[in-house]
Amino acid sequence: MNLREGKTRLILAAVLLGLALIVIMVSCGGDNGDSNSDAGAGQSDDSSSPGESGGDSEGEGGAPEGSSFIASVTGEGGITLNFTRAEREEGGFLTVEGTIQNSTSDTWVDLAWRGAERELSANGFSMAGATLTAKSEGKRYLILRDTTGRCLCTGFGNGVSPGETVEWFAQFPAPDAATNEVDFQIGRMPTVTIEIR
């Protein structure tokens, strides 16, 4: 009986994941949705991000010369966010990857990175609060998450140690095929434009 119950649970989980993917793709197909969409669907971008470039923001966006990064930005007192890949995947996903470098003398933890949504609070210090804005579409895309509210992204546990460089990833619904640039924003970091490849 245990084997049969295990198979039944696996099939049910697969069906639920399939339904979640369908909801994500339907939501991204031009529906403006709302900011609390469980699937991280795109929505109208009618307000500026809290960390947009300008004002007191530290650092400059863009890739450093001679680096393998497609973009890089420094902020939050010495934290550098690097981007190595932003690529569409089969199934309607966009995967963004990179590294975080802590150039400070303290262990770095920022719970603002998990986002303001109540559902995302269980992710702790993570990339859960990241957003992509496709200006050409007038949409903002939220991080993807599973049926339990766990983000499809990297979590950083108790923080990033002084001098440490850690890898990260985050998955979003893929923007329209004609969109080849998006603005990435998380926490209080300056907004940075990245190219989709």
N, C-alpha and C. Protein backbone atom coordinates (compact mmCIF):
# COMPACT_ATOMS: atom_id res chain seq x y z
N MET A 1 0.82 -1.21 0.00
CA MET A 1 0.00 0.00 0.00
C MET A 1 0.86 1.26 0.00
N ASN A 2 2.00 1.22 0.68
CA ASN A 2 2.85 2.40 0.74
C ASN A 2 3.39 2.79 -0.62
N LEU A 3 3.73 1.78 -1.43
CA LEU A 3 4.24 2.05 -2.77
C LEU A 3 3.17 2.70 -3.62
N ARG A 4 1.94 2.17 -3.52
CA ARG A 4 0.84 2.73 -4.30
C ARG A 4 0.56 4.18 -3.87
N GLU A 5 0.55 4.43 -2.55
CA GLU A 5 0.31 5.78 -2.06
C GLU A 5 1.41 6.72 -2.52
N GLY A 6 2.66 6.25 -2.53
CA GLY A 6 3.79 7.07 -2.99
C GLY A 6 3.64 7.45 -4.44
N LYS A 7 3.22 6.48 -5.27
CA LYS A 7 3.03 6.78 -6.70
C LYS A 7 1.90 7.78 -6.89
N THR A 8 0.83 7.59 -6.13
CA THR A 8 -0.31 8.51 -6.23
C THR A 8 0.11 9.93 -5.88
N ARG A 9 0.91 10.07 -4.83
CA ARG A 9 1.38 11.40 -4.44
C ARG A 9 2.28 12.02 -5.49
N LEU A 10 3.14 11.21 -6.11
CA LEU A 10 4.00 11.71 -7.18
C LEU A 10 3.18 12.20 -8.36
N ILE A 11 2.17 11.43 -8.75
CA ILE A 11 1.32 11.82 -9.88
C ILE A 11 0.58 13.10 -9.54
N LEU A 12 0.06 13.21 -8.33
CA LEU A 12 -0.66 14.41 -7.91
C LEU A 12 0.26 15.63 -7.92
N ALA A 13 1.50 15.47 -7.45
CA ALA A 13 2.46 16.58 -7.46
C ALA A 13 2.77 17.01 -8.87
N ALA A 14 2.92 16.04 -9.79
CA ALA A 14 3.21 16.37 -11.19
C ALA A 14 2.04 17.12 -11.82
N VAL A 15 0.81 16.69 -11.52
CA VAL A 15 -0.37 17.37 -12.06
C VAL A 15 -0.44 18.81 -11.54
N LEU A 16 -0.20 18.99 -10.24
CA LEU A 16 -0.24 20.33 -9.65
C LEU A 16 0.82 21.24 -10.26
N LEU A 17 2.02 20.71 -10.48
CA LEU A 17 3.08 21.50 -11.09
C LEU A 17 2.70 21.88 -12.51
N GLY A 18 2.11 20.92 -13.26
CA GLY A 18 1.67 21.22 -14.62
C GLY A 18 0.62 22.31 -14.65
N LEU A 19 -0.34 22.25 -13.71
CA LEU A 19 -1.37 23.30 -13.64
C LEU A 19 -0.76 24.65 -13.30
N ALA A 20 0.23 24.65 -12.40
CA ALA A 20 0.88 25.92 -12.04
C ALA A 20 1.58 26.52 -13.25
N LEU A 21 2.24 25.67 -14.06
CA LEU A 21 2.92 26.17 -15.26
C LEU A 21 1.93 26.75 -16.26
N ILE A 22 0.77 26.09 -16.40
CA ILE A 22 -0.25 26.61 -17.32
C ILE A 22 -0.73 27.98 -16.85
N VAL A 23 -0.98 28.12 -15.54
CA VAL A 23 -1.42 29.41 -15.00
C VAL A 23 -0.37 30.49 -15.26
N ILE A 24 0.89 30.14 -15.09
CA ILE A 24 1.97 31.10 -15.32
C ILE A 24 1.97 31.57 -16.76
N MET A 25 1.90 30.61 -17.70
CA MET A 25 1.97 30.98 -19.11
C MET A 25 0.75 31.78 -19.55
N VAL A 26 -0.43 31.43 -19.04
CA VAL A 26 -1.64 32.18 -19.38
C VAL A 26 -1.56 33.59 -18.80
N SER A 27 -1.05 33.70 -17.57
CA SER A 27 -0.96 35.00 -16.92
C SER A 27 0.02 35.92 -17.63
N CYS A 28 1.07 35.35 -18.22
CA CYS A 28 2.08 36.16 -18.90
C CYS A 28 1.68 36.54 -20.31
N GLY A 29 0.61 35.99 -20.80
CA GLY A 29 0.22 36.23 -22.18
C GLY A 29 -0.56 37.51 -22.36
N GLY A 30 -0.10 38.60 -21.74
CA GLY A 30 -0.73 39.90 -21.95
C GLY A 30 -1.64 40.32 -20.82
N ASP A 31 -1.94 39.45 -19.85
CA ASP A 31 -2.77 39.81 -18.72
C ASP A 31 -1.95 40.62 -17.74
N ASN A 32 -2.49 41.75 -17.31
CA ASN A 32 -1.72 42.61 -16.42
C ASN A 32 -1.69 42.11 -14.99
N GLY A 33 -2.57 41.19 -14.61
CA GLY A 33 -2.48 40.54 -13.31
C GLY A 33 -2.40 41.50 -12.16
N ASP A 34 -2.18 40.97 -10.95
CA ASP A 34 -1.93 41.84 -9.83
C ASP A 34 -0.65 41.44 -9.15
N SER A 35 -0.17 42.28 -8.25
CA SER A 35 1.17 42.10 -7.70
C SER A 35 1.28 40.91 -6.77
N ASN A 36 0.14 40.29 -6.39
CA ASN A 36 0.20 39.16 -5.48
C ASN A 36 -0.02 37.84 -6.18
N SER A 37 0.17 37.79 -7.50
CA SER A 37 -0.02 36.56 -8.26
C SER A 37 0.88 35.47 -7.71
N ASP A 38 0.30 34.28 -7.41
CA ASP A 38 1.07 33.17 -6.86
C ASP A 38 2.10 32.65 -7.83
N ALA A 39 1.86 32.85 -9.14
CA ALA A 39 2.76 32.28 -10.13
C ALA A 39 3.84 33.24 -10.56
N GLY A 40 3.89 34.45 -10.01
CA GLY A 40 4.91 35.40 -10.40
C GLY A 40 4.65 35.96 -11.78
N ALA A 41 3.39 36.12 -12.16
CA ALA A 41 3.07 36.56 -13.51
C ALA A 41 3.43 38.02 -13.71
N GLY A 42 3.57 38.42 -14.99
CA GLY A 42 3.87 39.80 -15.33
C GLY A 42 2.72 40.70 -14.95
N GLN A 43 3.04 41.96 -14.68
CA GLN A 43 2.01 42.91 -14.35
C GLN A 43 2.42 44.28 -14.83
N SER A 44 1.45 45.20 -14.85
CA SER A 44 1.75 46.54 -15.33
C SER A 44 2.80 47.19 -14.46
N ASP A 45 3.72 47.88 -15.08
CA ASP A 45 4.77 48.58 -14.35
C ASP A 45 4.38 50.04 -14.27
N ASP A 46 3.62 50.40 -13.20
CA ASP A 46 3.15 51.77 -13.11
C ASP A 46 3.77 52.52 -11.95
N SER A 47 4.85 51.97 -11.38
CA SER A 47 5.55 52.68 -10.31
C SER A 47 7.02 52.37 -10.41
N SER A 48 7.85 53.28 -9.94
CA SER A 48 9.29 53.06 -10.01
C SER A 48 9.73 52.14 -8.88
N SER A 49 10.80 51.40 -9.11
CA SER A 49 11.33 50.49 -8.11
C SER A 49 12.06 51.27 -7.04
N PRO A 50 12.07 50.76 -5.78
CA PRO A 50 12.71 51.48 -4.70
C PRO A 50 14.21 51.66 -4.89
N GLY A 51 14.85 50.77 -5.65
CA GLY A 51 16.30 50.86 -5.79
C GLY A 51 16.74 51.40 -7.13
N GLU A 52 15.85 52.11 -7.87
CA GLU A 52 16.23 52.55 -9.20
C GLU A 52 17.41 53.49 -9.15
N SER A 53 18.20 53.48 -10.22
CA SER A 53 19.39 54.31 -10.30
C SER A 53 19.03 55.76 -10.16
N GLY A 54 19.92 56.51 -9.56
CA GLY A 54 19.68 57.93 -9.33
C GLY A 54 19.68 58.19 -7.85
N GLY A 55 19.53 59.45 -7.47
CA GLY A 55 19.50 59.79 -6.05
C GLY A 55 20.79 59.38 -5.36
N ASP A 56 20.63 58.62 -4.25
CA ASP A 56 21.80 58.25 -3.46
C ASP A 56 22.34 56.87 -3.81
N SER A 57 21.88 56.28 -4.91
CA SER A 57 22.31 54.93 -5.26
C SER A 57 23.81 54.87 -5.47
N GLU A 58 24.41 53.77 -5.03
CA GLU A 58 25.84 53.56 -5.23
C GLU A 58 26.05 52.75 -6.49
N GLY A 59 27.20 52.92 -7.10
CA GLY A 59 27.59 52.04 -8.19
C GLY A 59 26.94 52.40 -9.51
N GLU A 60 27.43 51.79 -10.55
CA GLU A 60 26.94 52.00 -11.90
C GLU A 60 26.60 50.65 -12.50
N GLY A 61 25.53 50.59 -13.28
CA GLY A 61 25.16 49.36 -13.97
C GLY A 61 26.07 49.12 -15.16
N GLY A 62 25.94 47.95 -15.75
CA GLY A 62 26.74 47.60 -16.93
C GLY A 62 27.85 46.65 -16.56
N ALA A 63 28.40 45.99 -17.57
CA ALA A 63 29.45 45.00 -17.33
C ALA A 63 30.81 45.67 -17.27
N PRO A 64 31.65 45.32 -16.29
CA PRO A 64 33.01 45.85 -16.23
C PRO A 64 33.79 45.40 -17.47
N GLU A 65 34.66 46.27 -17.95
CA GLU A 65 35.46 45.93 -19.13
C GLU A 65 36.34 44.72 -18.84
N GLY A 66 36.40 43.81 -19.82
CA GLY A 66 37.26 42.63 -19.70
C GLY A 66 36.71 41.54 -18.81
N SER A 67 35.48 41.69 -18.31
CA SER A 67 34.91 40.67 -17.43
C SER A 67 34.04 39.72 -18.23
N SER A 68 33.66 38.61 -17.59
CA SER A 68 32.76 37.65 -18.22
C SER A 68 31.31 37.93 -17.84
N PHE A 69 31.08 39.04 -17.14
CA PHE A 69 29.74 39.39 -16.70
C PHE A 69 29.00 40.13 -17.80
N ILE A 70 27.68 39.91 -17.87
CA ILE A 70 26.86 40.67 -18.82
C ILE A 70 26.42 41.99 -18.19
N ALA A 71 26.48 42.06 -16.86
CA ALA A 71 26.17 43.30 -16.14
C ALA A 71 26.70 43.16 -14.72
N SER A 72 26.88 44.30 -14.07
CA SER A 72 27.37 44.31 -12.69
C SER A 72 26.95 45.61 -12.04
N VAL A 73 26.61 45.56 -10.75
CA VAL A 73 26.22 46.77 -10.03
C VAL A 73 26.68 46.63 -8.58
N THR A 74 27.13 47.74 -8.01
CA THR A 74 27.58 47.75 -6.61
C THR A 74 26.70 48.70 -5.81
N GLY A 75 26.33 48.28 -4.61
CA GLY A 75 25.50 49.11 -3.74
C GLY A 75 25.49 48.53 -2.35
N GLU A 76 24.58 49.02 -1.52
CA GLU A 76 24.41 48.54 -0.14
C GLU A 76 25.72 48.45 0.62
N GLY A 77 26.55 49.48 0.50
CA GLY A 77 27.76 49.58 1.31
C GLY A 77 28.89 48.67 0.91
N GLY A 78 28.92 48.17 -0.32
CA GLY A 78 30.04 47.35 -0.76
C GLY A 78 29.66 45.97 -1.25
N ILE A 79 28.38 45.75 -1.54
CA ILE A 79 27.92 44.48 -2.09
C ILE A 79 27.86 44.61 -3.60
N THR A 80 28.51 43.69 -4.32
CA THR A 80 28.50 43.71 -5.78
C THR A 80 27.67 42.55 -6.30
N LEU A 81 26.70 42.89 -7.14
CA LEU A 81 25.82 41.92 -7.77
C LEU A 81 26.24 41.79 -9.23
N ASN A 82 26.74 40.61 -9.59
CA ASN A 82 27.18 40.35 -10.96
C ASN A 82 26.20 39.43 -11.66
N PHE A 83 26.09 39.59 -12.98
CA PHE A 83 25.20 38.79 -13.80
C PHE A 83 26.02 38.06 -14.85
N THR A 84 25.88 36.74 -14.90
CA THR A 84 26.62 35.94 -15.88
C THR A 84 25.73 35.40 -16.99
N ARG A 85 24.41 35.32 -16.74
CA ARG A 85 23.52 34.73 -17.74
C ARG A 85 22.09 35.19 -17.53
N ALA A 86 21.38 35.48 -18.61
CA ALA A 86 19.94 35.72 -18.60
C ALA A 86 19.41 35.07 -19.86
N GLU A 87 18.82 33.90 -19.71
CA GLU A 87 18.51 33.07 -20.87
C GLU A 87 17.13 32.43 -20.76
N ARG A 88 16.41 32.46 -21.88
CA ARG A 88 15.12 31.79 -21.93
C ARG A 88 15.30 30.28 -21.92
N GLU A 89 14.40 29.59 -21.19
CA GLU A 89 14.44 28.14 -21.10
C GLU A 89 13.15 27.57 -21.70
N GLU A 90 13.18 26.29 -22.06
CA GLU A 90 11.96 25.63 -22.52
C GLU A 90 10.93 25.67 -21.41
N GLY A 91 9.66 25.82 -21.79
CA GLY A 91 8.59 25.87 -20.79
C GLY A 91 8.20 27.28 -20.40
N GLY A 92 8.81 28.29 -21.03
CA GLY A 92 8.40 29.67 -20.75
C GLY A 92 9.09 30.32 -19.56
N PHE A 93 10.28 29.83 -19.19
CA PHE A 93 11.02 30.41 -18.07
C PHE A 93 12.14 31.31 -18.57
N LEU A 94 12.54 32.24 -17.72
CA LEU A 94 13.77 33.00 -17.93
C LEU A 94 14.65 32.77 -16.71
N THR A 95 15.84 32.23 -16.91
CA THR A 95 16.77 31.99 -15.80
C THR A 95 17.84 33.06 -15.81
N VAL A 96 18.03 33.70 -14.66
CA VAL A 96 19.07 34.71 -14.49
C VAL A 96 20.05 34.17 -13.45
N GLU A 97 21.35 34.25 -13.76
CA GLU A 97 22.38 33.73 -12.85
C GLU A 97 23.49 34.74 -12.68
N GLY A 98 24.24 34.59 -11.59
CA GLY A 98 25.38 35.47 -11.35
C GLY A 98 26.07 35.16 -10.04
N THR A 99 26.75 36.16 -9.52
CA THR A 99 27.45 36.03 -8.24
C THR A 99 27.19 37.27 -7.40
N ILE A 100 27.33 37.10 -6.10
CA ILE A 100 27.29 38.21 -5.15
C ILE A 100 28.63 38.22 -4.43
N GLN A 101 29.26 39.39 -4.39
CA GLN A 101 30.54 39.53 -3.70
C GLN A 101 30.37 40.48 -2.53
N ASN A 102 30.73 40.00 -1.34
CA ASN A 102 30.68 40.83 -0.14
C ASN A 102 32.07 41.40 0.12
N SER A 103 32.25 42.68 -0.23
CA SER A 103 33.55 43.33 -0.05
C SER A 103 33.64 44.07 1.28
N THR A 104 32.67 43.84 2.17
CA THR A 104 32.67 44.52 3.46
C THR A 104 33.40 43.66 4.49
N SER A 105 33.51 44.19 5.69
CA SER A 105 34.19 43.45 6.77
C SER A 105 33.20 42.74 7.68
N ASP A 106 31.93 42.74 7.30
CA ASP A 106 30.89 42.11 8.11
C ASP A 106 30.12 41.07 7.31
N THR A 107 29.57 40.08 8.02
CA THR A 107 28.65 39.15 7.37
C THR A 107 27.44 39.94 6.93
N TRP A 108 27.04 39.72 5.69
CA TRP A 108 25.95 40.52 5.12
C TRP A 108 24.66 39.73 5.04
N VAL A 109 23.61 40.27 5.66
CA VAL A 109 22.26 39.70 5.63
C VAL A 109 21.31 40.85 5.35
N ASP A 110 20.39 40.66 4.41
CA ASP A 110 19.39 41.69 4.13
C ASP A 110 18.06 41.02 3.84
N LEU A 111 17.16 41.01 4.82
CA LEU A 111 15.87 40.35 4.66
C LEU A 111 14.97 41.09 3.68
N ALA A 112 15.32 42.33 3.30
CA ALA A 112 14.55 43.04 2.28
C ALA A 112 14.64 42.33 0.94
N TRP A 113 15.67 41.52 0.76
CA TRP A 113 15.84 40.80 -0.51
C TRP A 113 14.79 39.72 -0.71
N ARG A 114 14.11 39.30 0.35
CA ARG A 114 13.09 38.25 0.20
C ARG A 114 11.79 38.80 -0.36
N GLY A 115 11.64 40.12 -0.42
CA GLY A 115 10.43 40.73 -0.97
C GLY A 115 9.41 41.05 0.10
N ALA A 116 8.42 41.87 -0.30
CA ALA A 116 7.42 42.35 0.66
C ALA A 116 6.21 41.44 0.76
N GLU A 117 6.03 40.52 -0.19
CA GLU A 117 4.86 39.66 -0.16
C GLU A 117 4.92 38.69 1.02
N ARG A 118 3.79 38.54 1.70
CA ARG A 118 3.72 37.65 2.86
C ARG A 118 4.09 36.22 2.49
N GLU A 119 3.67 35.78 1.29
CA GLU A 119 3.95 34.41 0.87
C GLU A 119 5.44 34.12 0.76
N LEU A 120 6.23 35.16 0.48
CA LEU A 120 7.66 34.97 0.26
C LEU A 120 8.49 35.05 1.55
N SER A 121 7.85 35.42 2.66
CA SER A 121 8.62 35.64 3.89
C SER A 121 9.32 34.37 4.38
N ALA A 122 8.76 33.21 4.08
CA ALA A 122 9.38 31.95 4.53
C ALA A 122 10.69 31.66 3.80
N ASN A 123 10.98 32.38 2.71
CA ASN A 123 12.22 32.16 1.98
C ASN A 123 13.42 32.78 2.67
N GLY A 124 13.19 33.65 3.66
CA GLY A 124 14.30 34.27 4.38
C GLY A 124 15.18 35.09 3.45
N PHE A 125 16.46 35.21 3.80
CA PHE A 125 17.41 35.98 3.00
C PHE A 125 17.67 35.21 1.72
N SER A 126 17.16 35.73 0.62
CA SER A 126 17.20 35.01 -0.66
C SER A 126 16.99 35.99 -1.80
N MET A 127 16.91 35.46 -3.02
CA MET A 127 16.62 36.27 -4.20
C MET A 127 15.12 36.39 -4.44
N ALA A 128 14.30 35.99 -3.47
CA ALA A 128 12.84 35.92 -3.67
C ALA A 128 12.19 37.25 -4.03
N GLY A 129 12.78 38.35 -3.60
CA GLY A 129 12.17 39.66 -3.88
C GLY A 129 12.60 40.29 -5.19
N ALA A 130 13.37 39.57 -6.00
CA ALA A 130 13.85 40.13 -7.27
C ALA A 130 12.69 40.33 -8.25
N THR A 131 12.77 41.39 -9.05
CA THR A 131 11.80 41.65 -10.10
C THR A 131 12.51 42.00 -11.39
N LEU A 132 11.84 41.72 -12.50
CA LEU A 132 12.29 42.15 -13.81
C LEU A 132 11.24 43.08 -14.39
N THR A 133 11.68 44.19 -14.97
CA THR A 133 10.76 45.11 -15.63
C THR A 133 11.10 45.16 -17.10
N ALA A 134 10.10 44.86 -17.92
CA ALA A 134 10.25 44.95 -19.38
C ALA A 134 9.55 46.24 -19.80
N LYS A 135 10.33 47.30 -19.97
CA LYS A 135 9.74 48.60 -20.28
C LYS A 135 8.99 48.58 -21.61
N SER A 136 9.50 47.81 -22.57
CA SER A 136 8.86 47.76 -23.87
C SER A 136 7.46 47.15 -23.80
N GLU A 137 7.22 46.32 -22.78
CA GLU A 137 5.92 45.69 -22.59
C GLU A 137 5.07 46.43 -21.56
N GLY A 138 5.70 47.25 -20.75
CA GLY A 138 4.99 47.88 -19.64
C GLY A 138 4.61 46.87 -18.57
N LYS A 139 5.47 45.86 -18.37
CA LYS A 139 5.18 44.81 -17.39
C LYS A 139 6.34 44.60 -16.43
N ARG A 140 5.98 44.18 -15.22
CA ARG A 140 6.97 43.77 -14.24
C ARG A 140 6.74 42.29 -13.95
N TYR A 141 7.82 41.51 -13.96
CA TYR A 141 7.73 40.07 -13.72
C TYR A 141 8.28 39.74 -12.34
N LEU A 142 7.52 38.95 -11.59
CA LEU A 142 7.92 38.53 -10.25
C LEU A 142 8.58 37.16 -10.30
N ILE A 143 9.31 36.84 -9.25
CA ILE A 143 10.00 35.56 -9.16
C ILE A 143 8.98 34.42 -9.23
N LEU A 144 9.37 33.32 -9.86
CA LEU A 144 8.51 32.13 -9.87
C LEU A 144 8.61 31.43 -8.52
N ARG A 145 7.54 30.73 -8.17
CA ARG A 145 7.54 30.00 -6.91
C ARG A 145 6.74 28.71 -7.07
N ASP A 146 6.97 27.77 -6.17
CA ASP A 146 6.23 26.52 -6.24
C ASP A 146 4.92 26.65 -5.47
N THR A 147 4.18 25.55 -5.39
CA THR A 147 2.85 25.61 -4.78
C THR A 147 2.89 25.85 -3.27
N THR A 148 4.07 25.75 -2.66
CA THR A 148 4.18 26.02 -1.22
C THR A 148 4.72 27.43 -0.95
N GLY A 149 4.96 28.21 -2.02
CA GLY A 149 5.46 29.57 -1.84
C GLY A 149 6.96 29.68 -1.81
N ARG A 150 7.67 28.56 -2.04
CA ARG A 150 9.14 28.62 -2.09
C ARG A 150 9.55 29.17 -3.44
N CYS A 151 10.45 30.14 -3.41
CA CYS A 151 10.88 30.76 -4.67
C CYS A 151 11.77 29.81 -5.47
N LEU A 152 11.74 29.95 -6.79
CA LEU A 152 12.68 29.23 -7.65
C LEU A 152 13.92 30.11 -7.75
N CYS A 153 14.68 30.09 -6.67
CA CYS A 153 15.82 31.00 -6.56
C CYS A 153 16.76 30.52 -5.46
N THR A 154 17.89 31.20 -5.34
CA THR A 154 18.89 30.88 -4.32
C THR A 154 18.54 31.52 -2.99
N GLY A 155 18.73 30.75 -1.92
CA GLY A 155 18.65 31.28 -0.57
C GLY A 155 20.05 31.35 0.02
N PHE A 156 20.28 32.31 0.91
CA PHE A 156 21.63 32.54 1.43
C PHE A 156 21.79 32.19 2.91
N GLY A 157 20.82 31.50 3.46
CA GLY A 157 20.95 31.01 4.84
C GLY A 157 21.22 32.12 5.82
N ASN A 158 22.34 32.00 6.55
CA ASN A 158 22.68 32.97 7.60
C ASN A 158 23.47 34.16 7.09
N GLY A 159 23.65 34.27 5.77
CA GLY A 159 24.31 35.45 5.22
C GLY A 159 25.53 35.12 4.39
N VAL A 160 26.11 36.18 3.84
CA VAL A 160 27.31 36.07 3.00
C VAL A 160 28.49 36.61 3.83
N SER A 161 29.47 35.78 4.06
CA SER A 161 30.60 36.14 4.93
C SER A 161 31.47 37.24 4.33
N PRO A 162 32.23 37.96 5.15
CA PRO A 162 33.13 39.00 4.64
C PRO A 162 34.10 38.44 3.61
N GLY A 163 34.23 39.11 2.47
CA GLY A 163 35.14 38.67 1.43
C GLY A 163 34.65 37.51 0.59
N GLU A 164 33.49 36.97 0.92
CA GLU A 164 32.98 35.78 0.21
C GLU A 164 32.28 36.17 -1.08
N THR A 165 32.40 35.31 -2.09
CA THR A 165 31.65 35.44 -3.33
C THR A 165 30.80 34.19 -3.48
N VAL A 166 29.49 34.36 -3.65
CA VAL A 166 28.58 33.22 -3.77
C VAL A 166 27.81 33.31 -5.08
N GLU A 167 27.47 32.14 -5.62
CA GLU A 167 26.68 32.10 -6.84
C GLU A 167 25.19 32.18 -6.50
N TRP A 168 24.40 32.67 -7.45
CA TRP A 168 22.96 32.74 -7.26
C TRP A 168 22.24 32.51 -8.59
N PHE A 169 20.96 32.17 -8.49
CA PHE A 169 20.10 32.10 -9.66
C PHE A 169 18.69 32.52 -9.26
N ALA A 170 17.91 32.93 -10.24
CA ALA A 170 16.51 33.28 -10.03
C ALA A 170 15.77 33.00 -11.33
N GLN A 171 14.54 32.46 -11.21
CA GLN A 171 13.75 32.17 -12.41
C GLN A 171 12.48 33.00 -12.42
N PHE A 172 12.14 33.48 -13.62
CA PHE A 172 10.99 34.33 -13.84
C PHE A 172 10.20 33.80 -15.03
N PRO A 173 8.94 34.24 -15.18
CA PRO A 173 8.26 33.97 -16.44
C PRO A 173 9.04 34.68 -17.56
N ALA A 174 9.17 34.05 -18.71
CA ALA A 174 9.92 34.66 -19.80
C ALA A 174 9.13 35.82 -20.40
N PRO A 175 9.76 36.98 -20.59
CA PRO A 175 9.09 38.10 -21.28
C PRO A 175 8.79 37.73 -22.73
N ASP A 176 8.06 38.61 -23.41
CA ASP A 176 7.74 38.39 -24.83
C ASP A 176 9.01 38.13 -25.62
N ALA A 177 8.87 37.35 -26.68
CA ALA A 177 10.02 36.96 -27.50
C ALA A 177 10.75 38.18 -28.07
N ALA A 178 10.03 39.27 -28.33
CA ALA A 178 10.65 40.46 -28.90
C ALA A 178 11.43 41.28 -27.88
N THR A 179 11.27 40.97 -26.60
CA THR A 179 11.95 41.71 -25.53
C THR A 179 13.36 41.15 -25.35
N ASN A 180 14.37 41.99 -25.51
CA ASN A 180 15.75 41.51 -25.35
C ASN A 180 16.50 42.21 -24.23
N GLU A 181 15.84 43.12 -23.53
CA GLU A 181 16.45 43.79 -22.37
C GLU A 181 15.41 43.94 -21.27
N VAL A 182 15.84 43.74 -20.03
CA VAL A 182 14.97 43.94 -18.87
C VAL A 182 15.77 44.64 -17.77
N ASP A 183 15.05 45.32 -16.90
CA ASP A 183 15.67 45.94 -15.73
C ASP A 183 15.49 45.02 -14.53
N PHE A 184 16.61 44.69 -13.87
CA PHE A 184 16.61 43.80 -12.70
C PHE A 184 16.72 44.66 -11.45
N GLN A 185 15.88 44.36 -10.46
CA GLN A 185 15.94 45.11 -9.20
C GLN A 185 15.67 44.18 -8.03
N ILE A 186 16.43 44.39 -6.95
CA ILE A 186 16.22 43.64 -5.72
C ILE A 186 16.67 44.48 -4.53
N GLY A 187 15.92 44.40 -3.44
CA GLY A 187 16.27 45.12 -2.22
C GLY A 187 16.54 46.60 -2.47
N ARG A 188 17.64 47.08 -1.89
CA ARG A 188 18.02 48.49 -2.07
C ARG A 188 19.14 48.66 -3.08
N MET A 189 19.41 47.60 -3.84
CA MET A 189 20.44 47.70 -4.88
C MET A 189 19.94 48.58 -6.02
N PRO A 190 20.85 49.32 -6.68
CA PRO A 190 20.43 50.09 -7.85
C PRO A 190 19.91 49.15 -8.94
N THR A 191 18.97 49.64 -9.71
CA THR A 191 18.45 48.87 -10.84
C THR A 191 19.53 48.74 -11.90
N VAL A 192 19.58 47.57 -12.54
CA VAL A 192 20.57 47.33 -13.59
C VAL A 192 19.87 46.70 -14.79
N THR A 193 20.23 47.15 -15.97
CA THR A 193 19.66 46.61 -17.21
C THR A 193 20.49 45.42 -17.67
N ILE A 194 19.83 44.30 -17.95
CA ILE A 194 20.52 43.12 -18.42
C ILE A 194 19.95 42.69 -19.77
N GLU A 195 20.80 42.07 -20.57
CA GLU A 195 20.40 41.62 -21.89
C GLU A 195 20.00 40.14 -21.83
N ILE A 196 18.87 39.83 -22.44
CA ILE A 196 18.41 38.43 -22.51
C ILE A 196 19.05 37.79 -23.74
N ARG A 197 19.61 36.61 -23.55
CA ARG A 197 20.26 35.91 -24.67
C ARG A 197 19.60 34.58 -24.93
